[in-house]
Amino acid sequence: MEIKHQNSILKLMARVVFSSRWLQAPLYLGLIIAQAVYVYHFGVELMHLVQHTKTVTETQIMLVVLGLIDVVMIANLLLMVIVGGYETFVSRLYLDGNPDQPEWLEHVNAGTMKVKLSMALIGISSIHLLKTFIEAPNLSQQTMMWQVIIHMTFVLSAMAMAYTNRLMEAKAH
């Protein structure tokens, strides 16, 4: 009798633990709201650019466009986290046969997500670094040096994650 009782407690505990994944669903909804904020920010910046087209310099246009690209890249990063994270950690999306299903979603796992996210962060960091180089005359050498160091840290971290992921996948096969 006691073994049956322990088994039912273990089964209940397993169900509770497995169901706890749904606690992440509100986090993904929050990221969707954050993405909406970025869409709004993009629209505001684009309208400012259009309104001031006749009075801004080419360098100012370039900086605004780089800012817009930065917003798009962050939105892409959010989308990867929302869709990939939900699919990986919460529940299947059941998009089979949907022509709009992202190709990368078919073979996403936690390791692949980390590498994709680190590559997106490198892209975002690259945009910031390019903006820094454009504004170089107005910045201190120390500021520029730290931005390069931070960027290189992202690059090295991404390489380490990709290498580790590759080793883990090779062991699995």
N, C-alpha and C. Protein backbone atom coordinates (compact mmCIF):
# COMPACT_ATOMS: atom_id res chain seq x y z
N MET A 1 0.82 -1.20 0.00
CA MET A 1 0.00 0.00 0.00
C MET A 1 0.86 1.26 0.00
N GLU A 2 1.93 1.24 0.78
CA GLU A 2 2.80 2.41 0.87
C GLU A 2 3.49 2.71 -0.46
N ILE A 3 3.88 1.68 -1.19
CA ILE A 3 4.54 1.90 -2.49
C ILE A 3 3.58 2.58 -3.46
N LYS A 4 2.30 2.18 -3.48
CA LYS A 4 1.31 2.83 -4.34
C LYS A 4 1.16 4.30 -3.96
N HIS A 5 1.15 4.56 -2.66
CA HIS A 5 1.02 5.95 -2.19
C HIS A 5 2.23 6.78 -2.64
N GLN A 6 3.43 6.21 -2.52
CA GLN A 6 4.64 6.93 -2.96
C GLN A 6 4.62 7.17 -4.46
N ASN A 7 4.16 6.15 -5.22
CA ASN A 7 4.08 6.30 -6.67
C ASN A 7 3.11 7.40 -7.06
N SER A 8 1.96 7.49 -6.39
CA SER A 8 0.99 8.53 -6.73
C SER A 8 1.53 9.91 -6.35
N ILE A 9 2.27 10.01 -5.25
CA ILE A 9 2.89 11.28 -4.87
C ILE A 9 3.94 11.67 -5.91
N LEU A 10 4.75 10.71 -6.34
CA LEU A 10 5.76 10.98 -7.36
C LEU A 10 5.13 11.41 -8.67
N LYS A 11 4.04 10.75 -9.06
CA LYS A 11 3.35 11.13 -10.29
C LYS A 11 2.77 12.53 -10.20
N LEU A 12 2.18 12.85 -9.04
CA LEU A 12 1.64 14.18 -8.84
C LEU A 12 2.76 15.22 -8.90
N MET A 13 3.85 14.92 -8.23
CA MET A 13 5.00 15.84 -8.23
C MET A 13 5.52 16.05 -9.65
N ALA A 14 5.61 14.97 -10.42
CA ALA A 14 6.07 15.06 -11.80
C ALA A 14 5.14 15.94 -12.62
N ARG A 15 3.82 15.79 -12.42
CA ARG A 15 2.85 16.62 -13.14
C ARG A 15 3.00 18.10 -12.77
N VAL A 16 3.19 18.36 -11.48
CA VAL A 16 3.35 19.74 -11.02
C VAL A 16 4.62 20.36 -11.62
N VAL A 17 5.71 19.61 -11.57
CA VAL A 17 6.98 20.11 -12.11
C VAL A 17 6.83 20.36 -13.61
N PHE A 18 6.24 19.41 -14.33
CA PHE A 18 6.10 19.57 -15.78
C PHE A 18 5.15 20.72 -16.11
N SER A 19 4.10 20.87 -15.36
CA SER A 19 3.15 21.97 -15.60
C SER A 19 3.73 23.34 -15.26
N SER A 20 4.77 23.37 -14.45
CA SER A 20 5.37 24.66 -14.07
C SER A 20 5.94 25.40 -15.27
N ARG A 21 6.14 24.71 -16.38
CA ARG A 21 6.64 25.38 -17.58
C ARG A 21 5.70 26.49 -18.03
N TRP A 22 4.42 26.36 -17.70
CA TRP A 22 3.45 27.37 -18.10
C TRP A 22 3.64 28.69 -17.35
N LEU A 23 4.42 28.67 -16.28
CA LEU A 23 4.74 29.92 -15.60
C LEU A 23 5.56 30.85 -16.49
N GLN A 24 6.19 30.29 -17.52
CA GLN A 24 6.96 31.11 -18.44
C GLN A 24 6.10 31.82 -19.49
N ALA A 25 4.88 31.34 -19.70
CA ALA A 25 4.01 31.93 -20.73
C ALA A 25 3.80 33.44 -20.52
N PRO A 26 3.54 33.92 -19.30
CA PRO A 26 3.41 35.38 -19.13
C PRO A 26 4.69 36.13 -19.46
N LEU A 27 5.85 35.49 -19.27
CA LEU A 27 7.12 36.15 -19.62
C LEU A 27 7.19 36.38 -21.13
N TYR A 28 6.76 35.39 -21.91
CA TYR A 28 6.76 35.54 -23.36
C TYR A 28 5.74 36.59 -23.80
N LEU A 29 4.59 36.65 -23.12
CA LEU A 29 3.62 37.70 -23.42
C LEU A 29 4.21 39.08 -23.12
N GLY A 30 4.98 39.19 -22.05
CA GLY A 30 5.65 40.45 -21.72
C GLY A 30 6.65 40.84 -22.80
N LEU A 31 7.36 39.86 -23.36
CA LEU A 31 8.29 40.15 -24.45
C LEU A 31 7.55 40.61 -25.71
N ILE A 32 6.35 40.08 -25.93
CA ILE A 32 5.55 40.53 -27.07
C ILE A 32 5.18 42.00 -26.88
N ILE A 33 4.84 42.37 -25.66
CA ILE A 33 4.53 43.78 -25.37
C ILE A 33 5.77 44.64 -25.58
N ALA A 34 6.93 44.15 -25.14
CA ALA A 34 8.19 44.88 -25.35
C ALA A 34 8.46 45.05 -26.85
N GLN A 35 8.13 44.03 -27.63
CA GLN A 35 8.32 44.13 -29.08
C GLN A 35 7.39 45.21 -29.66
N ALA A 36 6.18 45.30 -29.15
CA ALA A 36 5.25 46.35 -29.59
C ALA A 36 5.82 47.74 -29.28
N VAL A 37 6.49 47.86 -28.14
CA VAL A 37 7.12 49.14 -27.78
C VAL A 37 8.21 49.47 -28.80
N TYR A 38 8.98 48.46 -29.22
CA TYR A 38 10.01 48.70 -30.23
C TYR A 38 9.40 49.10 -31.57
N VAL A 39 8.28 48.50 -31.93
CA VAL A 39 7.60 48.88 -33.17
C VAL A 39 7.17 50.34 -33.10
N TYR A 40 6.63 50.75 -31.97
CA TYR A 40 6.24 52.15 -31.77
C TYR A 40 7.47 53.07 -31.88
N HIS A 41 8.55 52.70 -31.19
CA HIS A 41 9.79 53.48 -31.22
C HIS A 41 10.32 53.61 -32.65
N PHE A 42 10.29 52.52 -33.39
CA PHE A 42 10.72 52.53 -34.79
C PHE A 42 9.89 53.54 -35.59
N GLY A 43 8.57 53.49 -35.42
CA GLY A 43 7.68 54.40 -36.14
C GLY A 43 7.96 55.86 -35.81
N VAL A 44 8.18 56.15 -34.52
CA VAL A 44 8.48 57.52 -34.10
C VAL A 44 9.78 58.00 -34.73
N GLU A 45 10.82 57.19 -34.66
CA GLU A 45 12.12 57.58 -35.24
C GLU A 45 12.03 57.75 -36.75
N LEU A 46 11.30 56.87 -37.42
CA LEU A 46 11.14 56.97 -38.87
C LEU A 46 10.39 58.25 -39.24
N MET A 47 9.36 58.58 -38.48
CA MET A 47 8.62 59.82 -38.75
C MET A 47 9.51 61.05 -38.55
N HIS A 48 10.34 61.04 -37.51
CA HIS A 48 11.27 62.16 -37.30
C HIS A 48 12.22 62.30 -38.49
N LEU A 49 12.71 61.17 -38.98
CA LEU A 49 13.63 61.19 -40.12
C LEU A 49 12.93 61.78 -41.35
N VAL A 50 11.72 61.32 -41.61
CA VAL A 50 10.98 61.80 -42.78
C VAL A 50 10.66 63.30 -42.64
N GLN A 51 10.26 63.71 -41.44
CA GLN A 51 9.90 65.11 -41.21
C GLN A 51 11.09 66.06 -41.36
N HIS A 52 12.28 65.58 -41.03
CA HIS A 52 13.47 66.43 -41.06
C HIS A 52 14.41 66.11 -42.23
N THR A 53 13.90 65.46 -43.24
CA THR A 53 14.73 65.04 -44.38
C THR A 53 15.50 66.20 -44.99
N LYS A 54 14.90 67.35 -45.11
CA LYS A 54 15.54 68.48 -45.78
C LYS A 54 16.59 69.18 -44.92
N THR A 55 16.58 68.94 -43.61
CA THR A 55 17.47 69.70 -42.73
C THR A 55 18.58 68.87 -42.09
N VAL A 56 18.59 67.56 -42.31
CA VAL A 56 19.61 66.72 -41.66
C VAL A 56 20.76 66.44 -42.62
N THR A 57 21.93 66.21 -42.04
CA THR A 57 23.11 65.89 -42.85
C THR A 57 23.11 64.40 -43.17
N GLU A 58 23.98 64.03 -44.09
CA GLU A 58 24.10 62.62 -44.46
C GLU A 58 24.53 61.78 -43.28
N THR A 59 25.45 62.31 -42.48
CA THR A 59 25.91 61.58 -41.29
C THR A 59 24.75 61.39 -40.31
N GLN A 60 23.93 62.41 -40.12
CA GLN A 60 22.77 62.29 -39.22
C GLN A 60 21.78 61.25 -39.75
N ILE A 61 21.57 61.24 -41.06
CA ILE A 61 20.69 60.23 -41.67
C ILE A 61 21.25 58.84 -41.40
N MET A 62 22.56 58.69 -41.62
CA MET A 62 23.19 57.39 -41.40
C MET A 62 23.02 56.93 -39.95
N LEU A 63 23.19 57.84 -39.01
CA LEU A 63 23.05 57.48 -37.59
C LEU A 63 21.61 57.08 -37.26
N VAL A 64 20.65 57.81 -37.82
CA VAL A 64 19.25 57.45 -37.58
C VAL A 64 18.94 56.09 -38.21
N VAL A 65 19.40 55.88 -39.44
CA VAL A 65 19.15 54.60 -40.11
C VAL A 65 19.81 53.45 -39.33
N LEU A 66 21.03 53.67 -38.84
CA LEU A 66 21.67 52.64 -38.01
C LEU A 66 20.85 52.38 -36.74
N GLY A 67 20.27 53.43 -36.18
CA GLY A 67 19.38 53.26 -35.03
C GLY A 67 18.16 52.43 -35.39
N LEU A 68 17.60 52.68 -36.58
CA LEU A 68 16.44 51.90 -37.04
C LEU A 68 16.82 50.44 -37.26
N ILE A 69 17.99 50.22 -37.85
CA ILE A 69 18.47 48.85 -38.05
C ILE A 69 18.66 48.16 -36.69
N ASP A 70 19.17 48.91 -35.73
CA ASP A 70 19.36 48.39 -34.39
C ASP A 70 18.02 47.94 -33.79
N VAL A 71 17.00 48.77 -33.96
CA VAL A 71 15.66 48.42 -33.45
C VAL A 71 15.16 47.14 -34.13
N VAL A 72 15.35 47.04 -35.44
CA VAL A 72 14.91 45.85 -36.17
C VAL A 72 15.65 44.61 -35.66
N MET A 73 16.95 44.74 -35.45
CA MET A 73 17.73 43.59 -34.97
C MET A 73 17.31 43.17 -33.56
N ILE A 74 17.00 44.14 -32.72
CA ILE A 74 16.52 43.81 -31.39
C ILE A 74 15.15 43.15 -31.48
N ALA A 75 14.30 43.64 -32.37
CA ALA A 75 12.99 43.01 -32.57
C ALA A 75 13.15 41.58 -33.08
N ASN A 76 14.12 41.36 -33.99
CA ASN A 76 14.39 39.99 -34.45
C ASN A 76 14.86 39.11 -33.30
N LEU A 77 15.70 39.65 -32.46
CA LEU A 77 16.18 38.92 -31.28
C LEU A 77 15.00 38.56 -30.38
N LEU A 78 14.12 39.52 -30.15
CA LEU A 78 12.93 39.25 -29.34
C LEU A 78 12.08 38.15 -29.97
N LEU A 79 11.90 38.22 -31.28
CA LEU A 79 11.09 37.20 -31.96
C LEU A 79 11.71 35.82 -31.80
N MET A 80 13.02 35.73 -31.95
CA MET A 80 13.68 34.43 -31.76
C MET A 80 13.47 33.90 -30.35
N VAL A 81 13.60 34.78 -29.37
CA VAL A 81 13.42 34.36 -27.98
C VAL A 81 11.97 33.96 -27.74
N ILE A 82 11.03 34.75 -28.24
CA ILE A 82 9.61 34.47 -28.00
C ILE A 82 9.20 33.15 -28.65
N VAL A 83 9.42 33.05 -29.95
CA VAL A 83 8.96 31.88 -30.69
C VAL A 83 9.79 30.64 -30.32
N GLY A 84 11.12 30.78 -30.37
CA GLY A 84 11.97 29.63 -30.07
C GLY A 84 11.88 29.19 -28.62
N GLY A 85 11.84 30.17 -27.71
CA GLY A 85 11.75 29.84 -26.29
C GLY A 85 10.43 29.19 -25.95
N TYR A 86 9.34 29.72 -26.47
CA TYR A 86 8.02 29.13 -26.20
C TYR A 86 7.97 27.71 -26.74
N GLU A 87 8.42 27.54 -27.98
CA GLU A 87 8.41 26.21 -28.60
C GLU A 87 9.31 25.23 -27.85
N THR A 88 10.45 25.70 -27.37
CA THR A 88 11.41 24.82 -26.71
C THR A 88 11.02 24.51 -25.26
N PHE A 89 10.52 25.50 -24.55
CA PHE A 89 10.35 25.34 -23.10
C PHE A 89 8.91 25.27 -22.61
N VAL A 90 7.95 25.74 -23.41
CA VAL A 90 6.58 25.77 -22.91
C VAL A 90 5.70 24.76 -23.63
N SER A 91 5.47 24.97 -24.93
CA SER A 91 4.56 24.10 -25.66
C SER A 91 4.83 24.20 -27.16
N ARG A 92 4.48 23.18 -27.87
CA ARG A 92 4.61 23.20 -29.33
C ARG A 92 3.68 24.25 -29.91
N LEU A 93 4.09 24.84 -31.02
CA LEU A 93 3.27 25.82 -31.70
C LEU A 93 2.38 25.18 -32.77
N TYR A 94 2.71 23.96 -33.16
CA TYR A 94 1.94 23.23 -34.18
C TYR A 94 1.77 24.04 -35.45
N LEU A 95 2.89 24.43 -36.02
CA LEU A 95 2.89 25.22 -37.25
C LEU A 95 3.13 24.38 -38.50
N ASP A 96 3.14 23.06 -38.36
CA ASP A 96 3.40 22.20 -39.51
C ASP A 96 2.47 22.54 -40.66
N GLY A 97 3.05 22.72 -41.81
CA GLY A 97 2.28 23.05 -43.00
C GLY A 97 2.02 24.53 -43.17
N ASN A 98 2.33 25.33 -42.17
CA ASN A 98 2.13 26.78 -42.30
C ASN A 98 3.26 27.32 -43.17
N PRO A 99 2.93 27.99 -44.28
CA PRO A 99 3.99 28.48 -45.18
C PRO A 99 4.87 29.56 -44.55
N ASP A 100 4.41 30.16 -43.47
CA ASP A 100 5.18 31.22 -42.82
C ASP A 100 6.05 30.72 -41.68
N GLN A 101 6.06 29.40 -41.45
CA GLN A 101 6.87 28.86 -40.36
C GLN A 101 8.34 29.13 -40.63
N PRO A 102 9.04 29.76 -39.67
CA PRO A 102 10.48 30.00 -39.87
C PRO A 102 11.24 28.68 -40.02
N GLU A 103 12.14 28.63 -40.98
CA GLU A 103 12.90 27.41 -41.24
C GLU A 103 13.71 26.99 -40.02
N TRP A 104 14.28 27.95 -39.30
CA TRP A 104 15.14 27.64 -38.17
C TRP A 104 14.37 26.99 -37.02
N LEU A 105 13.04 27.16 -37.00
CA LEU A 105 12.25 26.61 -35.91
C LEU A 105 12.15 25.09 -35.98
N GLU A 106 12.35 24.53 -37.17
CA GLU A 106 12.25 23.07 -37.33
C GLU A 106 13.32 22.32 -36.55
N HIS A 107 14.47 22.92 -36.36
CA HIS A 107 15.56 22.23 -35.66
C HIS A 107 16.12 23.08 -34.53
N VAL A 108 15.23 23.70 -33.78
CA VAL A 108 15.67 24.54 -32.68
C VAL A 108 15.74 23.72 -31.39
N ASN A 109 16.79 23.97 -30.63
CA ASN A 109 16.91 23.42 -29.28
C ASN A 109 17.62 24.47 -28.44
N ALA A 110 17.79 24.19 -27.17
CA ALA A 110 18.38 25.19 -26.28
C ALA A 110 19.78 25.61 -26.75
N GLY A 111 20.60 24.67 -27.20
CA GLY A 111 21.95 24.99 -27.66
C GLY A 111 21.93 25.86 -28.91
N THR A 112 21.09 25.49 -29.86
CA THR A 112 20.97 26.27 -31.10
C THR A 112 20.47 27.67 -30.79
N MET A 113 19.51 27.76 -29.86
CA MET A 113 18.97 29.07 -29.48
C MET A 113 20.08 29.96 -28.92
N LYS A 114 20.93 29.40 -28.07
CA LYS A 114 22.01 30.19 -27.47
C LYS A 114 22.94 30.74 -28.55
N VAL A 115 23.28 29.90 -29.51
CA VAL A 115 24.18 30.34 -30.58
C VAL A 115 23.51 31.41 -31.43
N LYS A 116 22.23 31.20 -31.81
CA LYS A 116 21.52 32.20 -32.61
C LYS A 116 21.39 33.52 -31.86
N LEU A 117 21.11 33.45 -30.58
CA LEU A 117 20.98 34.66 -29.78
C LEU A 117 22.32 35.38 -29.66
N SER A 118 23.39 34.62 -29.48
CA SER A 118 24.70 35.26 -29.37
C SER A 118 25.08 35.91 -30.70
N MET A 119 24.73 35.29 -31.81
CA MET A 119 25.01 35.90 -33.11
C MET A 119 24.19 37.18 -33.29
N ALA A 120 22.95 37.17 -32.83
CA ALA A 120 22.13 38.38 -32.91
C ALA A 120 22.72 39.49 -32.05
N LEU A 121 23.22 39.13 -30.87
CA LEU A 121 23.85 40.13 -30.00
C LEU A 121 25.10 40.72 -30.65
N ILE A 122 25.85 39.89 -31.36
CA ILE A 122 27.02 40.40 -32.08
C ILE A 122 26.59 41.39 -33.16
N GLY A 123 25.51 41.08 -33.87
CA GLY A 123 25.00 42.00 -34.88
C GLY A 123 24.59 43.33 -34.27
N ILE A 124 23.89 43.28 -33.15
CA ILE A 124 23.46 44.50 -32.47
C ILE A 124 24.69 45.29 -31.98
N SER A 125 25.64 44.57 -31.41
CA SER A 125 26.87 45.21 -30.93
C SER A 125 27.64 45.84 -32.10
N SER A 126 27.63 45.18 -33.25
CA SER A 126 28.31 45.72 -34.43
C SER A 126 27.70 47.05 -34.86
N ILE A 127 26.38 47.13 -34.81
CA ILE A 127 25.71 48.38 -35.17
C ILE A 127 26.13 49.49 -34.20
N HIS A 128 26.15 49.17 -32.90
CA HIS A 128 26.56 50.17 -31.91
C HIS A 128 28.01 50.59 -32.13
N LEU A 129 28.86 49.62 -32.46
CA LEU A 129 30.26 49.93 -32.70
C LEU A 129 30.43 50.81 -33.94
N LEU A 130 29.66 50.52 -34.97
CA LEU A 130 29.71 51.36 -36.18
C LEU A 130 29.27 52.79 -35.86
N LYS A 131 28.20 52.92 -35.06
CA LYS A 131 27.77 54.26 -34.64
C LYS A 131 28.86 54.96 -33.85
N THR A 132 29.56 54.20 -33.01
CA THR A 132 30.66 54.76 -32.22
C THR A 132 31.76 55.28 -33.14
N PHE A 133 32.12 54.49 -34.15
CA PHE A 133 33.18 54.92 -35.06
C PHE A 133 32.76 56.15 -35.86
N ILE A 134 31.48 56.24 -36.21
CA ILE A 134 31.01 57.43 -36.94
C ILE A 134 31.09 58.66 -36.05
N GLU A 135 30.79 58.47 -34.76
CA GLU A 135 30.82 59.59 -33.81
C GLU A 135 32.18 59.73 -33.12
N ALA A 136 33.19 59.04 -33.62
CA ALA A 136 34.52 59.01 -32.99
C ALA A 136 35.08 60.38 -32.62
N PRO A 137 34.95 61.39 -33.46
CA PRO A 137 35.52 62.69 -33.08
C PRO A 137 34.91 63.28 -31.81
N ASN A 138 33.70 62.85 -31.47
CA ASN A 138 33.02 63.38 -30.29
C ASN A 138 33.18 62.51 -29.05
N LEU A 139 33.89 61.38 -29.19
CA LEU A 139 34.00 60.43 -28.08
C LEU A 139 35.44 60.32 -27.60
N SER A 140 35.58 59.90 -26.35
CA SER A 140 36.93 59.70 -25.81
C SER A 140 37.48 58.36 -26.30
N GLN A 141 38.80 58.28 -26.30
CA GLN A 141 39.48 57.03 -26.69
C GLN A 141 39.07 55.90 -25.75
N GLN A 142 38.89 56.23 -24.47
CA GLN A 142 38.53 55.22 -23.48
C GLN A 142 37.14 54.64 -23.77
N THR A 143 36.19 55.49 -24.14
CA THR A 143 34.85 55.02 -24.49
C THR A 143 34.91 54.08 -25.67
N MET A 144 35.65 54.48 -26.69
CA MET A 144 35.78 53.63 -27.88
C MET A 144 36.47 52.32 -27.55
N MET A 145 37.53 52.38 -26.74
CA MET A 145 38.25 51.17 -26.37
C MET A 145 37.32 50.18 -25.65
N TRP A 146 36.53 50.68 -24.70
CA TRP A 146 35.64 49.80 -23.96
C TRP A 146 34.56 49.20 -24.85
N GLN A 147 34.08 49.95 -25.81
CA GLN A 147 33.08 49.40 -26.72
C GLN A 147 33.67 48.30 -27.59
N VAL A 148 34.91 48.47 -28.04
CA VAL A 148 35.58 47.42 -28.81
C VAL A 148 35.80 46.19 -27.93
N ILE A 149 36.23 46.40 -26.69
CA ILE A 149 36.46 45.28 -25.77
C ILE A 149 35.15 44.52 -25.53
N ILE A 150 34.08 45.24 -25.30
CA ILE A 150 32.78 44.59 -25.07
C ILE A 150 32.35 43.81 -26.31
N HIS A 151 32.52 44.42 -27.49
CA HIS A 151 32.16 43.73 -28.73
C HIS A 151 32.98 42.45 -28.90
N MET A 152 34.29 42.54 -28.68
CA MET A 152 35.14 41.36 -28.82
C MET A 152 34.77 40.28 -27.79
N THR A 153 34.33 40.71 -26.61
CA THR A 153 33.87 39.75 -25.60
C THR A 153 32.65 39.00 -26.12
N PHE A 154 31.71 39.72 -26.76
CA PHE A 154 30.55 39.06 -27.37
C PHE A 154 31.00 38.06 -28.43
N VAL A 155 31.94 38.47 -29.28
CA VAL A 155 32.42 37.60 -30.36
C VAL A 155 33.06 36.34 -29.79
N LEU A 156 33.95 36.50 -28.83
CA LEU A 156 34.62 35.34 -28.22
C LEU A 156 33.63 34.44 -27.49
N SER A 157 32.68 35.03 -26.81
CA SER A 157 31.66 34.24 -26.11
C SER A 157 30.82 33.43 -27.11
N ALA A 158 30.45 34.06 -28.21
CA ALA A 158 29.66 33.36 -29.23
C ALA A 158 30.46 32.21 -29.83
N MET A 159 31.74 32.44 -30.08
CA MET A 159 32.58 31.36 -30.62
C MET A 159 32.68 30.21 -29.62
N ALA A 160 32.82 30.53 -28.35
CA ALA A 160 32.90 29.49 -27.32
C ALA A 160 31.59 28.71 -27.23
N MET A 161 30.46 29.43 -27.29
CA MET A 161 29.16 28.75 -27.24
C MET A 161 28.94 27.86 -28.46
N ALA A 162 29.30 28.37 -29.63
CA ALA A 162 29.14 27.57 -30.85
C ALA A 162 30.01 26.33 -30.80
N TYR A 163 31.23 26.48 -30.33
CA TYR A 163 32.14 25.34 -30.23
C TYR A 163 31.60 24.32 -29.22
N THR A 164 31.15 24.79 -28.08
CA THR A 164 30.60 23.90 -27.06
C THR A 164 29.36 23.19 -27.59
N ASN A 165 28.49 23.92 -28.27
CA ASN A 165 27.29 23.32 -28.85
C ASN A 165 27.65 22.26 -29.87
N ARG A 166 28.66 22.54 -30.67
CA ARG A 166 29.11 21.56 -31.68
C ARG A 166 29.63 20.30 -31.02
N LEU A 167 30.41 20.45 -29.96
CA LEU A 167 30.91 19.29 -29.22
C LEU A 167 29.77 18.46 -28.64
N MET A 168 28.79 19.14 -28.08
CA MET A 168 27.64 18.43 -27.48
C MET A 168 26.83 17.70 -28.53
N GLU A 169 26.65 18.33 -29.69
CA GLU A 169 25.91 17.66 -30.77
C GLU A 169 26.67 16.47 -31.31
N ALA A 170 28.01 16.59 -31.39
CA ALA A 170 28.82 15.47 -31.87
C ALA A 170 28.73 14.28 -30.89
N LYS A 171 28.71 14.56 -29.59
CA LYS A 171 28.59 13.49 -28.59
C LYS A 171 27.23 12.82 -28.67
N ALA A 172 26.18 13.58 -29.02
CA ALA A 172 24.83 13.04 -29.09
C ALA A 172 24.67 12.09 -30.26
N HIS A 173 25.48 12.28 -31.30
CA HIS A 173 25.35 11.42 -32.49
C HIS A 173 26.31 10.33 -32.39
